[in-house]
Amino acid sequence: MDELSHFDNAGNIKMVDVSDKPETHRTAVASAKVLLSASTIEVLRNQTNPKGGPLEIPRIAGIMAAKQTSNLIPLCHQINLSNVDISVEIKDYGIYLQASAKTSSQTGVEMEALTAVSIAALTVYDMCKAVQKNIEITEIRLETKTGGKVEYSRE
């Protein structure tokens, strides 16, 4: 099993030193589901939600969150994002969200994608809580990661 990289040999917390790593093009995609009742989905489809449309505000919130990842997660490197995009789709079960993030950096961009999709899901929750109290956010997960030493795909 790999060791946790945020601890030194004495067990003290440390920031991972990436100064010797090459700068490469890196991408990450994360997803989440927001489970909603049929009546809430109908409200969203009819655009009669008292707090406004459900699709654009979570997109903007997710993009803004990705840009703040290093301020939210201790020891997370501050990186220059070249792109963040969020897709929001109404499905039979509720809302499916997918966030993609890109950078050319010495470290990965998966935390930015995961932060983006998480905050977008929380924004859907906030927008829909007036019409439904038992909303569930589920399956927040990394789908793919490219660039750097280790690539990953859920497929």
Protein backbone atom coordinates (compact mmCIF):
# COMPACT_ATOMS: atom_id res chain seq x y z
CA MET A 1 0.00 0.00 0.00
CA ASP A 2 1.24 3.50 -0.81
CA GLU A 3 2.09 5.80 2.07
CA LEU A 4 0.14 8.98 2.74
CA SER A 5 2.08 11.80 1.11
CA HIS A 6 1.11 14.57 3.55
CA PHE A 7 3.12 13.13 6.45
CA ASP A 8 6.87 13.13 6.98
CA ASN A 9 8.85 10.23 8.48
CA ALA A 10 8.11 11.48 12.01
CA GLY A 11 4.36 11.63 11.34
CA ASN A 12 4.18 15.42 11.07
CA ILE A 13 1.85 17.01 8.55
CA LYS A 14 3.60 18.55 5.55
CA MET A 15 2.78 20.01 2.18
CA VAL A 16 3.95 17.74 -0.63
CA ASP A 17 6.98 19.20 -2.41
CA VAL A 18 6.25 19.21 -6.15
CA SER A 19 9.17 21.44 -7.16
CA ASP A 20 11.03 18.59 -8.91
CA LYS A 21 7.98 17.34 -10.81
CA PRO A 22 7.63 18.31 -14.46
CA GLU A 23 4.88 20.66 -15.49
CA THR A 24 2.41 18.70 -17.64
CA HIS A 25 -1.06 19.17 -19.05
CA ARG A 26 -3.50 17.66 -16.55
CA THR A 27 -7.24 17.10 -16.58
CA ALA A 28 -9.78 15.70 -14.16
CA VAL A 29 -13.49 14.97 -14.34
CA ALA A 30 -15.69 14.46 -11.27
CA SER A 31 -19.40 13.79 -10.96
CA ALA A 32 -22.23 13.87 -8.43
CA LYS A 33 -25.93 13.13 -8.23
CA VAL A 34 -28.61 15.09 -6.42
CA LEU A 35 -31.62 12.89 -5.73
CA LEU A 36 -34.94 14.72 -5.97
CA SER A 37 -38.58 13.78 -5.82
CA ALA A 38 -40.69 13.59 -8.98
CA SER A 39 -42.57 16.73 -7.93
CA THR A 40 -39.34 18.71 -7.45
CA ILE A 41 -38.05 17.55 -10.83
CA GLU A 42 -41.32 18.75 -12.37
CA VAL A 43 -40.86 22.16 -10.69
CA LEU A 44 -37.38 22.37 -12.20
CA ARG A 45 -38.50 21.28 -15.66
CA ASN A 46 -41.35 23.84 -15.59
CA GLN A 47 -38.98 26.51 -14.24
CA THR A 48 -41.35 27.38 -11.40
CA ASN A 49 -38.77 27.04 -8.62
CA PRO A 50 -39.15 29.97 -6.19
CA LYS A 51 -35.36 30.49 -6.10
CA GLY A 52 -34.93 30.57 -9.88
CA GLY A 53 -33.57 28.31 -12.60
CA PRO A 54 -31.66 25.24 -11.39
CA LEU A 55 -29.04 24.85 -14.07
CA GLU A 56 -26.97 28.02 -14.47
CA ILE A 57 -26.44 29.03 -10.83
CA PRO A 58 -24.86 25.67 -9.83
CA ARG A 59 -22.57 25.92 -12.86
CA ILE A 60 -21.28 29.33 -11.82
CA ALA A 61 -20.97 28.24 -8.16
CA GLY A 62 -18.91 25.21 -9.18
CA ILE A 63 -16.57 27.25 -11.34
CA MET A 64 -16.08 29.78 -8.54
CA ALA A 65 -15.43 26.97 -6.05
CA ALA A 66 -12.78 25.31 -8.22
CA LYS A 67 -10.87 28.59 -8.21
CA GLN A 68 -10.90 28.58 -4.38
CA THR A 69 -9.87 24.96 -3.78
CA SER A 70 -6.49 25.73 -2.21
CA ASN A 71 -8.23 28.11 0.23
CA LEU A 72 -10.71 25.42 1.27
CA ILE A 73 -8.57 22.29 1.53
CA PRO A 74 -5.48 22.45 3.77
CA LEU A 75 -2.20 21.55 2.03
CA CYS A 76 -3.80 21.65 -1.42
CA HIS A 77 -1.50 23.41 -3.89
CA GLN A 78 -2.61 26.62 -5.52
CA ILE A 79 -2.63 26.00 -9.26
CA ASN A 80 -3.48 28.01 -12.33
CA LEU A 81 -6.62 26.63 -13.90
CA SER A 82 -6.82 26.89 -17.66
CA ASN A 83 -10.45 25.73 -17.77
CA VAL A 84 -13.30 24.60 -15.54
CA ASP A 85 -16.64 23.49 -16.93
CA ILE A 86 -19.73 22.15 -15.19
CA SER A 87 -22.57 20.32 -16.88
CA VAL A 88 -25.93 20.09 -15.13
CA GLU A 89 -28.59 17.70 -16.42
CA ILE A 90 -32.09 16.97 -15.19
CA LYS A 91 -32.54 13.19 -15.03
CA ASP A 92 -35.38 10.93 -13.86
CA TYR A 93 -33.78 10.68 -10.38
CA GLY A 94 -32.86 14.37 -10.05
CA ILE A 95 -29.77 16.26 -11.18
CA TYR A 96 -26.55 14.81 -12.62
CA LEU A 97 -23.52 17.07 -12.36
CA GLN A 98 -20.15 16.71 -14.00
CA ALA A 99 -17.16 19.01 -13.51
CA SER A 100 -14.05 19.07 -15.64
CA ALA A 101 -10.90 20.98 -14.77
CA LYS A 102 -7.70 21.56 -16.74
CA THR A 103 -4.28 22.93 -15.93
CA SER A 104 -0.65 22.82 -16.93
CA SER A 105 0.98 22.29 -13.58
CA GLN A 106 3.32 20.17 -11.45
CA THR A 107 0.39 18.64 -9.57
CA GLY A 108 -3.02 17.24 -10.40
CA VAL A 109 -6.31 19.05 -10.78
CA GLU A 110 -8.65 16.39 -9.33
CA MET A 111 -9.27 18.33 -6.10
CA GLU A 112 -10.51 21.28 -8.15
CA ALA A 113 -12.90 19.06 -10.13
CA LEU A 114 -14.18 17.39 -6.94
CA THR A 115 -14.61 20.75 -5.20
CA ALA A 116 -16.44 22.17 -8.20
CA VAL A 117 -18.92 19.30 -8.45
CA SER A 118 -19.47 19.26 -4.66
CA ILE A 119 -20.29 22.96 -4.46
CA ALA A 120 -22.47 22.74 -7.56
CA ALA A 121 -24.42 19.91 -5.86
CA LEU A 122 -24.75 21.94 -2.66
CA THR A 123 -26.04 24.84 -4.74
CA VAL A 124 -28.73 22.61 -6.28
CA TYR A 125 -29.64 21.59 -2.72
CA ASP A 126 -29.87 25.23 -1.63
CA MET A 127 -32.01 26.16 -4.61
CA CYS A 128 -34.42 23.25 -4.14
CA LYS A 129 -34.76 23.12 -0.35
CA ALA A 130 -37.78 25.44 -0.49
CA VAL A 131 -39.77 22.76 -2.33
CA GLN A 132 -38.19 19.58 -0.89
CA LYS A 133 -36.64 18.91 2.51
CA ASN A 134 -35.23 15.38 2.04
CA ILE A 135 -32.78 16.02 -0.82
CA GLU A 136 -29.80 13.66 -1.04
CA ILE A 137 -26.40 14.38 -2.56
CA THR A 138 -24.76 11.10 -3.59
CA GLU A 139 -21.94 9.54 -5.57
CA ILE A 140 -19.45 12.40 -5.52
CA ARG A 141 -16.51 10.78 -7.26
CA LEU A 142 -13.54 11.18 -9.53
CA GLU A 143 -14.29 9.84 -13.00
CA THR A 144 -10.98 10.43 -14.78
CA LYS A 145 -7.57 11.98 -14.22
CA THR A 146 -4.93 12.48 -16.91
CA GLY A 147 -1.41 13.87 -16.93
CA GLY A 148 1.32 13.37 -14.42
CA LYS A 149 2.71 10.04 -13.23
CA VAL A 150 -0.59 8.28 -12.52
CA GLU A 151 -3.64 8.36 -14.78
CA TYR A 152 -7.02 7.13 -13.66
CA SER A 153 -10.34 6.24 -15.23
CA ARG A 154 -13.36 4.81 -13.45
CA GLU A 155 -14.28 2.89 -16.63
